[in-house]
């Protein structure tokens, strides 16, 4: 093989590789807008986390916020509600698991495992019944604490009769699991970020 033939082969190989590389880059640039449009838009990303100021929630009061399209119950529990939740024997619960995104899977459903940062006065839970997805009513049910002439804490799903206690644990009815606790953390003494 002569030097001219050898140079021609190398030049041809270079042209093939360069043409293929330009074609690959062109294909990637053409496909990128289609791939990028599958990413969530700004409104969806904004719902990925939400910050809530707990300071305005008075003791014994509950609020419902929306996170990822679902209701989230946030309750400032009274000392009586906290004591009632702590007094429950875990072995008596239909669902003995914490169901909290803030503790390891399989942890027991103690009141401590259902709150975050030792701030037991605030309970944060998804507001969707674990039976068929209804929204339970607050301060109702057989496991709400009676304070004076009113019930406090506890949740009741009137659709099929599920009763949850002051820590959001299923106590009676068809619901198979406790109300789940979403991932959240304190970013200030009375401010949390969910998600």
C-alpha atoms as a PDB file:
ATOM      1  CA  UNK A   1       0.000   0.000   0.000  1.00  0.00           C
ATOM      2  CA  UNK A   2       1.406   3.338  -1.008  1.00  0.00           C
ATOM      3  CA  UNK A   3       1.516   6.443   1.124  1.00  0.00           C
ATOM      4  CA  UNK A   4      -1.170   8.099  -1.035  1.00  0.00           C
ATOM      5  CA  UNK A   5      -3.533   5.166  -0.546  1.00  0.00           C
ATOM      6  CA  UNK A   6      -2.872   5.133   3.201  1.00  0.00           C
ATOM      7  CA  UNK A   7      -3.632   8.876   3.453  1.00  0.00           C
ATOM      8  CA  UNK A   8      -6.854   8.379   1.479  1.00  0.00           C
ATOM      9  CA  UNK A   9      -8.074   5.666   3.874  1.00  0.00           C
ATOM     10  CA  UNK A  10      -7.416   7.840   6.949  1.00  0.00           C
ATOM     11  CA  UNK A  11      -9.107  10.814   5.335  1.00  0.00           C
ATOM     12  CA  UNK A  12     -12.168   8.722   4.443  1.00  0.00           C
ATOM     13  CA  UNK A  13     -12.383   7.365   8.029  1.00  0.00           C
ATOM     14  CA  UNK A  14     -12.200  10.894   9.400  1.00  0.00           C
ATOM     15  CA  UNK A  15     -15.018  12.048   7.084  1.00  0.00           C
ATOM     16  CA  UNK A  16     -17.221   9.125   8.170  1.00  0.00           C
ATOM     17  CA  UNK A  17     -16.623   9.829  11.860  1.00  0.00           C
ATOM     18  CA  UNK A  18     -17.122  13.590  11.482  1.00  0.00           C
ATOM     19  CA  UNK A  19     -20.365  13.089   9.504  1.00  0.00           C
ATOM     20  CA  UNK A  20     -21.665  10.661  12.123  1.00  0.00           C
ATOM     21  CA  UNK A  21     -20.791  13.030  14.986  1.00  0.00           C
ATOM     22  CA  UNK A  22     -22.508  15.997  13.311  1.00  0.00           C
ATOM     23  CA  UNK A  23     -25.557  13.805  12.650  1.00  0.00           C
ATOM     24  CA  UNK A  24     -25.692  12.646  16.287  1.00  0.00           C
ATOM     25  CA  UNK A  25     -25.452  16.208  17.596  1.00  0.00           C
ATOM     26  CA  UNK A  26     -28.161  17.322  15.152  1.00  0.00           C
ATOM     27  CA  UNK A  27     -30.449  14.471  16.227  1.00  0.00           C
ATOM     28  CA  UNK A  28     -29.919  15.323  19.911  1.00  0.00           C
ATOM     29  CA  UNK A  29     -30.725  18.994  19.286  1.00  0.00           C
ATOM     30  CA  UNK A  30     -33.857  18.001  17.377  1.00  0.00           C
ATOM     31  CA  UNK A  31     -35.112  15.598  20.077  1.00  0.00           C
ATOM     32  CA  UNK A  32     -34.283  17.804  23.108  1.00  0.00           C
ATOM     33  CA  UNK A  33     -37.434  20.027  22.930  1.00  0.00           C
ATOM     34  CA  UNK A  34     -39.636  16.916  22.941  1.00  0.00           C
ATOM     35  CA  UNK A  35     -37.845  15.453  25.956  1.00  0.00           C
ATOM     36  CA  UNK A  36     -37.785  18.792  27.806  1.00  0.00           C
ATOM     37  CA  UNK A  37     -41.535  19.306  27.392  1.00  0.00           C
ATOM     38  CA  UNK A  38     -42.110  16.170  29.505  1.00  0.00           C
ATOM     39  CA  UNK A  39     -40.612  17.879  32.586  1.00  0.00           C
ATOM     40  CA  UNK A  40     -43.132  19.250  35.109  1.00  0.00           C
ATOM     41  CA  UNK A  41     -44.027  22.904  34.655  1.00  0.00           C
ATOM     42  CA  UNK A  42     -43.426  25.638  37.224  1.00  0.00           C
ATOM     43  CA  UNK A  43     -46.861  25.284  38.849  1.00  0.00           C
ATOM     44  CA  UNK A  44     -46.244  21.602  39.582  1.00  0.00           C
ATOM     45  CA  UNK A  45     -42.751  22.252  40.910  1.00  0.00           C
ATOM     46  CA  UNK A  46     -44.132  24.973  43.177  1.00  0.00           C
ATOM     47  CA  UNK A  47     -46.417  22.402  44.827  1.00  0.00           C
ATOM     48  CA  UNK A  48     -43.525  20.028  45.492  1.00  0.00           C
ATOM     49  CA  UNK A  49     -43.046  21.731  48.852  1.00  0.00           C
ATOM     50  CA  UNK A  50     -45.051  24.206  50.875  1.00  0.00           C
ATOM     51  CA  UNK A  51     -44.148  26.275  53.926  1.00  0.00           C
ATOM     52  CA  UNK A  52     -46.642  26.755  56.750  1.00  0.00           C
ATOM     53  CA  UNK A  53     -46.438  29.174  59.672  1.00  0.00           C
ATOM     54  CA  UNK A  54     -47.779  27.387  62.760  1.00  0.00           C
ATOM     55  CA  UNK A  55     -47.777  30.457  65.047  1.00  0.00           C
ATOM     56  CA  UNK A  56     -51.334  31.610  64.149  1.00  0.00           C
ATOM     57  CA  UNK A  57     -52.815  28.162  64.929  1.00  0.00           C
ATOM     58  CA  UNK A  58     -54.247  28.415  68.443  1.00  0.00           C
ATOM     59  CA  UNK A  59     -54.146  25.480  70.846  1.00  0.00           C
ATOM     60  CA  UNK A  60     -57.053  23.177  70.009  1.00  0.00           C
ATOM     61  CA  UNK A  61     -57.363  24.567  66.479  1.00  0.00           C
ATOM     62  CA  UNK A  62     -56.770  22.713  63.216  1.00  0.00           C
ATOM     63  CA  UNK A  63     -56.226  23.929  59.694  1.00  0.00           C
ATOM     64  CA  UNK A  64     -56.312  22.119  56.381  1.00  0.00           C
ATOM     65  CA  UNK A  65     -53.898  23.039  53.624  1.00  0.00           C
ATOM     66  CA  UNK A  66     -53.394  21.569  50.181  1.00  0.00           C
ATOM     67  CA  UNK A  67     -50.168  19.835  49.198  1.00  0.00           C
ATOM     68  CA  UNK A  68     -49.750  17.985  45.912  1.00  0.00           C
ATOM     69  CA  UNK A  69     -53.492  18.220  45.392  1.00  0.00           C
ATOM     70  CA  UNK A  70     -54.383  16.493  48.674  1.00  0.00           C
ATOM     71  CA  UNK A  71     -55.585  17.892  51.991  1.00  0.00           C
ATOM     72  CA  UNK A  72     -53.119  17.971  54.882  1.00  0.00           C
ATOM     73  CA  UNK A  73     -54.411  18.324  58.453  1.00  0.00           C
ATOM     74  CA  UNK A  74     -52.302  20.421  60.825  1.00  0.00           C
ATOM     75  CA  UNK A  75     -53.534  20.490  64.407  1.00  0.00           C
ATOM     76  CA  UNK A  76     -52.210  22.305  67.474  1.00  0.00           C
ATOM     77  CA  UNK A  77     -53.118  19.675  70.048  1.00  0.00           C
ATOM     78  CA  UNK A  78     -54.108  20.362  73.622  1.00  0.00           C
ATOM     79  CA  UNK A  79     -52.258  18.670  76.516  1.00  0.00           C
ATOM     80  CA  UNK A  80     -55.274  16.357  76.965  1.00  0.00           C
ATOM     81  CA  UNK A  81     -55.061  15.253  73.316  1.00  0.00           C
ATOM     82  CA  UNK A  82     -51.338  14.577  73.637  1.00  0.00           C
ATOM     83  CA  UNK A  83     -51.803  12.565  76.835  1.00  0.00           C
ATOM     84  CA  UNK A  84     -54.623  10.546  75.247  1.00  0.00           C
ATOM     85  CA  UNK A  85     -52.356   9.752  72.280  1.00  0.00           C
ATOM     86  CA  UNK A  86     -49.446   8.733  74.518  1.00  0.00           C
ATOM     87  CA  UNK A  87     -51.638   6.512  76.716  1.00  0.00           C
ATOM     88  CA  UNK A  88     -52.573   4.166  73.844  1.00  0.00           C
ATOM     89  CA  UNK A  89     -51.175   0.651  73.975  1.00  0.00           C
ATOM     90  CA  UNK A  90     -49.577   0.019  70.549  1.00  0.00           C
ATOM     91  CA  UNK A  91     -50.628  -3.662  70.632  1.00  0.00           C
ATOM     92  CA  UNK A  92     -54.286  -2.559  70.616  1.00  0.00           C
ATOM     93  CA  UNK A  93     -53.949  -0.633  67.347  1.00  0.00           C
ATOM     94  CA  UNK A  94     -55.266  -2.167  64.108  1.00  0.00           C
ATOM     95  CA  UNK A  95     -52.200  -0.668  62.365  1.00  0.00           C
ATOM     96  CA  UNK A  96     -49.176  -0.715  64.686  1.00  0.00           C
ATOM     97  CA  UNK A  97     -46.885   1.094  62.183  1.00  0.00           C
ATOM     98  CA  UNK A  98     -46.097   4.811  62.360  1.00  0.00           C
ATOM     99  CA  UNK A  99     -46.696   5.427  58.617  1.00  0.00           C
ATOM    100  CA  UNK A 100     -44.521   8.516  58.880  1.00  0.00           C
ATOM    101  CA  UNK A 101     -42.169   9.644  56.119  1.00  0.00           C
ATOM    102  CA  UNK A 102     -39.985  11.138  58.867  1.00  0.00           C
ATOM    103  CA  UNK A 103     -39.008   7.856  60.557  1.00  0.00           C
ATOM    104  CA  UNK A 104     -37.707   4.540  59.258  1.00  0.00           C
ATOM    105  CA  UNK A 105     -40.230   2.136  57.731  1.00  0.00           C
ATOM    106  CA  UNK A 106     -41.577  -0.314  60.272  1.00  0.00           C
ATOM    107  CA  UNK A 107     -41.281   1.995  63.296  1.00  0.00           C
ATOM    108  CA  UNK A 108     -44.138   1.606  65.812  1.00  0.00           C
ATOM    109  CA  UNK A 109     -47.096   4.015  65.805  1.00  0.00           C
ATOM    110  CA  UNK A 110     -46.136   5.769  69.027  1.00  0.00           C
ATOM    111  CA  UNK A 111     -47.148   9.399  69.365  1.00  0.00           C
ATOM    112  CA  UNK A 112     -43.457  10.380  69.271  1.00  0.00           C
ATOM    113  CA  UNK A 113     -43.008   8.670  65.873  1.00  0.00           C
ATOM    114  CA  UNK A 114     -45.982  10.582  64.428  1.00  0.00           C
ATOM    115  CA  UNK A 115     -44.609  14.073  65.215  1.00  0.00           C
ATOM    116  CA  UNK A 116     -41.323  15.755  64.252  1.00  0.00           C
ATOM    117  CA  UNK A 117     -38.616  17.499  66.207  1.00  0.00           C
ATOM    118  CA  UNK A 118     -40.076  16.766  69.624  1.00  0.00           C
ATOM    119  CA  UNK A 119     -42.845  19.302  68.996  1.00  0.00           C
ATOM    120  CA  UNK A 120     -45.632  17.006  70.102  1.00  0.00           C
ATOM    121  CA  UNK A 121     -48.190  19.805  70.211  1.00  0.00           C
ATOM    122  CA  UNK A 122     -48.342  19.887  66.379  1.00  0.00           C
ATOM    123  CA  UNK A 123     -49.593  16.896  64.416  1.00  0.00           C
ATOM    124  CA  UNK A 124     -49.321  16.975  60.603  1.00  0.00           C
ATOM    125  CA  UNK A 125     -51.055  14.256  58.548  1.00  0.00           C
ATOM    126  CA  UNK A 126     -52.483  13.620  55.139  1.00  0.00           C
ATOM    127  CA  UNK A 127     -56.213  14.270  55.319  1.00  0.00           C
ATOM    128  CA  UNK A 128     -57.290  11.296  53.244  1.00  0.00           C
ATOM    129  CA  UNK A 129     -58.964   8.248  54.781  1.00  0.00           C
ATOM    130  CA  UNK A 130     -56.915   5.136  54.087  1.00  0.00           C
ATOM    131  CA  UNK A 131     -60.033   3.135  53.316  1.00  0.00           C
ATOM    132  CA  UNK A 132     -61.442   4.706  50.152  1.00  0.00           C
ATOM    133  CA  UNK A 133     -59.898   8.173  50.044  1.00  0.00           C
ATOM    134  CA  UNK A 134     -62.638  10.230  51.724  1.00  0.00           C
ATOM    135  CA  UNK A 135     -61.749  13.267  53.858  1.00  0.00           C
ATOM    136  CA  UNK A 136     -62.318  12.622  57.590  1.00  0.00           C
ATOM    137  CA  UNK A 137     -64.026  15.204  59.812  1.00  0.00           C
ATOM    138  CA  UNK A 138     -61.964  16.681  62.655  1.00  0.00           C
ATOM    139  CA  UNK A 139     -63.011  16.756  66.332  1.00  0.00           C
ATOM    140  CA  UNK A 140     -65.314  13.804  65.761  1.00  0.00           C
ATOM    141  CA  UNK A 141     -65.396  10.081  66.332  1.00  0.00           C
ATOM    142  CA  UNK A 142     -65.192   7.779  69.298  1.00  0.00           C
ATOM    143  CA  UNK A 143     -61.537   8.630  69.995  1.00  0.00           C
ATOM    144  CA  UNK A 144     -61.794  12.405  70.180  1.00  0.00           C
ATOM    145  CA  UNK A 145     -61.053  13.788  73.654  1.00  0.00           C
ATOM    146  CA  UNK A 146     -63.971  15.400  75.479  1.00  0.00           C
ATOM    147  CA  UNK A 147     -62.912  18.756  76.871  1.00  0.00           C
ATOM    148  CA  UNK A 148     -65.698  20.582  78.637  1.00  0.00           C
ATOM    149  CA  UNK A 149     -68.805  20.268  76.497  1.00  0.00           C
ATOM    150  CA  UNK A 150     -66.968  19.746  73.193  1.00  0.00           C
ATOM    151  CA  UNK A 151     -64.909  17.064  71.524  1.00  0.00           C
ATOM    152  CA  UNK A 152     -61.304  17.860  70.640  1.00  0.00           C
ATOM    153  CA  UNK A 153     -58.956  16.040  68.309  1.00  0.00           C
ATOM    154  CA  UNK A 154     -59.732  12.745  66.706  1.00  0.00           C
ATOM    155  CA  UNK A 155     -61.100  12.267  63.208  1.00  0.00           C
ATOM    156  CA  UNK A 156     -64.101  10.427  61.849  1.00  0.00           C
ATOM    157  CA  UNK A 157     -64.768   9.361  58.266  1.00  0.00           C
ATOM    158  CA  UNK A 158     -68.565   9.316  57.928  1.00  0.00           C
ATOM    159  CA  UNK A 159     -68.521   7.499  54.585  1.00  0.00           C
ATOM    160  CA  UNK A 160     -67.796   4.076  56.079  1.00  0.00           C
ATOM    161  CA  UNK A 161     -67.248   4.727  59.782  1.00  0.00           C
ATOM    162  CA  UNK A 162     -63.482   4.846  60.310  1.00  0.00           C
ATOM    163  CA  UNK A 163     -62.431   6.403  63.640  1.00  0.00           C
ATOM    164  CA  UNK A 164     -58.955   7.922  64.131  1.00  0.00           C
ATOM    165  CA  UNK A 165     -57.496   9.038  67.459  1.00  0.00           C
ATOM    166  CA  UNK A 166     -55.724  12.295  68.372  1.00  0.00           C
ATOM    167  CA  UNK A 167     -52.524  11.046  66.699  1.00  0.00           C
ATOM    168  CA  UNK A 168     -54.324  10.075  63.478  1.00  0.00           C
ATOM    169  CA  UNK A 169     -54.090   6.338  64.115  1.00  0.00           C
ATOM    170  CA  UNK A 170     -56.930   4.095  62.976  1.00  0.00           C
ATOM    171  CA  UNK A 171     -58.779   2.743  65.977  1.00  0.00           C
ATOM    172  CA  UNK A 172     -62.020   1.335  64.590  1.00  0.00           C
ATOM    173  CA  UNK A 173     -63.641   0.883  61.194  1.00  0.00           C
ATOM    174  CA  UNK A 174     -62.640  -0.438  57.776  1.00  0.00           C
ATOM    175  CA  UNK A 175     -59.583   1.773  57.189  1.00  0.00           C
ATOM    176  CA  UNK A 176     -56.536  -0.516  57.036  1.00  0.00           C
ATOM    177  CA  UNK A 177     -53.838   2.038  57.920  1.00  0.00           C
ATOM    178  CA  UNK A 178     -53.125   5.111  60.031  1.00  0.00           C
ATOM    179  CA  UNK A 179     -53.350   8.515  58.360  1.00  0.00           C
ATOM    180  CA  UNK A 180     -49.906   8.941  56.768  1.00  0.00           C
ATOM    181  CA  UNK A 181     -47.548  11.654  57.969  1.00  0.00           C
ATOM    182  CA  UNK A 182     -45.940  13.483  55.018  1.00  0.00           C
ATOM    183  CA  UNK A 183     -42.265  14.407  54.937  1.00  0.00           C
ATOM    184  CA  UNK A 184     -41.835  17.691  56.775  1.00  0.00           C
ATOM    185  CA  UNK A 185     -39.228  19.542  58.812  1.00  0.00           C
ATOM    186  CA  UNK A 186     -39.074  22.616  61.005  1.00  0.00           C
ATOM    187  CA  UNK A 187     -37.288  25.499  59.291  1.00  0.00           C
ATOM    188  CA  UNK A 188     -37.964  27.829  62.242  1.00  0.00           C
ATOM    189  CA  UNK A 189     -39.421  27.370  65.723  1.00  0.00           C
ATOM    190  CA  UNK A 190     -43.003  27.647  64.442  1.00  0.00           C
ATOM    191  CA  UNK A 191     -42.564  27.191  60.696  1.00  0.00           C
ATOM    192  CA  UNK A 192     -42.495  23.925  58.733  1.00  0.00           C
ATOM    193  CA  UNK A 193     -41.768  22.900  55.174  1.00  0.00           C
ATOM    194  CA  UNK A 194     -43.818  19.993  53.860  1.00  0.00           C
ATOM    195  CA  UNK A 195     -42.228  18.079  51.005  1.00  0.00           C
END
